[in-house]
Amino acid sequence: MLQTTTTPNFGAGNLSGSFALGSTEDVTSVKGLIVGTFAFDGANKYTAIADIVGVPNAAIPANATFTGTTATNEDGAGVIDGGNENFVTNGTFILAIDGDGTFEPFLYVAVKQ
């Protein structure tokens, strides 16, 4: 994740706007993949619409809408929903890892729209 050459000073305001999200490819055709959109409000909250593709009995229904919170550190690292979903951002891209393994696949990439 490219950051500035000086010490970054990120905060909630740096994570704002709409992002398109996708997960890593499901090469085994067992766990599917996730696609969706996230709208961050710049004040540590988001709303999202997501779909799991390729899993007939997915835990997330089609076009699931949900909300949550984030916390962003000065270095661009942070957490989603106060827990094990870790991310790093430069304000344009977000790389997120599902640290507790609740949702698979574990790596998600979001790009600002």
Protein backbone atom coordinates (compact mmCIF):
# COMPACT_ATOMS: atom_id res chain seq x y z
CA MET A 1 0.00 0.00 0.00
CA LEU A 2 1.69 3.20 -1.14
CA GLN A 3 1.80 5.89 1.50
CA THR A 4 3.41 9.33 1.47
CA THR A 5 7.16 9.55 2.08
CA THR A 6 6.55 11.58 5.23
CA THR A 7 4.77 10.22 8.29
CA PRO A 8 1.09 9.77 7.34
CA ASN A 9 -1.50 11.38 9.53
CA PHE A 10 -4.71 9.53 8.69
CA GLY A 11 -7.97 9.84 10.53
CA ALA A 12 -11.65 9.08 10.09
CA GLY A 13 -12.01 11.84 7.48
CA ASN A 14 -9.55 10.11 5.17
CA LEU A 15 -11.89 7.15 4.85
CA SER A 16 -14.90 8.72 3.18
CA GLY A 17 -16.84 8.23 -0.02
CA SER A 18 -17.96 5.20 -2.00
CA PHE A 19 -15.78 2.14 -2.54
CA ALA A 20 -16.32 -0.93 -4.73
CA LEU A 21 -15.24 -4.11 -2.94
CA GLY A 22 -14.29 -7.56 -4.15
CA SER A 23 -12.67 -10.57 -2.54
CA THR A 24 -10.02 -12.97 -3.71
CA GLU A 25 -11.02 -15.48 -6.36
CA ASP A 26 -12.64 -18.74 -5.25
CA VAL A 27 -10.36 -21.11 -7.15
CA THR A 28 -11.89 -24.18 -5.47
CA SER A 29 -15.48 -23.14 -6.27
CA VAL A 30 -16.43 -23.98 -2.68
CA LYS A 31 -16.55 -20.72 -0.73
CA GLY A 32 -17.56 -18.22 -3.38
CA LEU A 33 -16.49 -14.63 -3.48
CA ILE A 34 -17.93 -11.39 -2.19
CA VAL A 35 -18.67 -8.25 -4.18
CA GLY A 36 -20.25 -5.08 -2.92
CA THR A 37 -20.20 -1.35 -2.38
CA PHE A 38 -19.30 0.49 0.80
CA ALA A 39 -20.05 4.13 1.60
CA PHE A 40 -17.87 5.59 4.36
CA ASP A 41 -19.11 8.80 5.99
CA GLY A 42 -15.73 10.16 7.14
CA ALA A 43 -16.83 9.84 10.78
CA ASN A 44 -16.04 6.14 11.44
CA LYS A 45 -19.32 4.75 10.06
CA TYR A 46 -20.25 2.93 6.87
CA THR A 47 -23.18 1.41 5.03
CA ALA A 48 -22.79 -1.42 2.55
CA ILE A 49 -24.55 -3.67 0.07
CA ALA A 50 -22.88 -7.03 -0.59
CA ASP A 51 -23.47 -10.29 -2.45
CA ILE A 52 -21.82 -13.68 -2.15
CA VAL A 53 -21.32 -15.13 -5.61
CA GLY A 54 -21.19 -18.86 -6.29
CA VAL A 55 -22.34 -20.31 -2.96
CA PRO A 56 -25.94 -21.56 -3.03
CA ASN A 57 -26.36 -21.71 0.78
CA ALA A 58 -24.46 -18.54 1.67
CA ALA A 59 -24.73 -17.02 5.14
CA ILE A 60 -25.23 -13.58 3.57
CA PRO A 61 -28.43 -13.25 1.50
CA ALA A 62 -28.38 -11.57 -1.91
CA ASN A 63 -28.06 -7.78 -1.80
CA ALA A 64 -27.54 -7.78 1.97
CA THR A 65 -27.49 -4.26 3.43
CA PHE A 66 -25.62 -3.59 6.63
CA THR A 67 -23.94 -0.85 8.63
CA GLY A 68 -20.90 -0.72 10.86
CA THR A 69 -18.03 1.25 12.28
CA THR A 70 -14.33 1.69 11.59
CA ALA A 71 -11.32 3.05 13.45
CA THR A 72 -8.37 4.43 11.48
CA ASN A 73 -4.89 4.92 12.94
CA GLU A 74 -2.51 7.71 11.88
CA ASP A 75 -0.50 5.22 9.78
CA GLY A 76 -3.54 4.19 7.68
CA ALA A 77 -4.11 0.88 9.48
CA GLY A 78 -7.40 0.22 11.20
CA VAL A 79 -10.18 -2.13 12.18
CA ILE A 80 -13.73 -2.65 10.99
CA ASP A 81 -16.55 -3.16 13.50
CA GLY A 82 -14.17 -2.86 16.43
CA GLY A 83 -12.63 -6.27 16.00
CA ASN A 84 -10.83 -8.78 13.91
CA GLU A 85 -11.37 -7.32 10.45
CA ASN A 86 -8.14 -5.42 9.91
CA PHE A 87 -7.40 -3.04 7.05
CA VAL A 88 -4.86 -0.61 5.67
CA THR A 89 -5.73 2.35 3.45
CA ASN A 90 -4.16 5.26 1.65
CA GLY A 91 -7.56 6.91 1.16
CA THR A 92 -8.01 5.51 -2.37
CA PHE A 93 -7.55 1.78 -1.81
CA ILE A 94 -8.47 -0.43 1.14
CA LEU A 95 -6.93 -3.86 1.75
CA ALA A 96 -8.91 -5.73 4.40
CA ILE A 97 -8.22 -9.08 6.06
CA ASP A 98 -10.85 -11.11 7.90
CA GLY A 99 -8.73 -11.95 10.93
CA ASP A 100 -11.23 -14.12 12.78
CA GLY A 101 -12.11 -16.29 9.78
CA THR A 102 -15.84 -15.65 10.12
CA PHE A 103 -16.15 -14.82 6.45
CA GLU A 104 -14.17 -16.35 3.64
CA PRO A 105 -12.25 -15.63 1.51
CA PHE A 106 -10.02 -13.72 3.87
CA LEU A 107 -8.63 -10.91 1.67
CA TYR A 108 -10.75 -8.08 0.30
CA VAL A 109 -9.76 -5.17 -1.93
CA ALA A 110 -11.81 -1.96 -2.19
CA VAL A 111 -11.25 0.90 -4.64
CA LYS A 112 -12.65 4.40 -4.23
CA GLN A 113 -15.21 5.30 -6.88
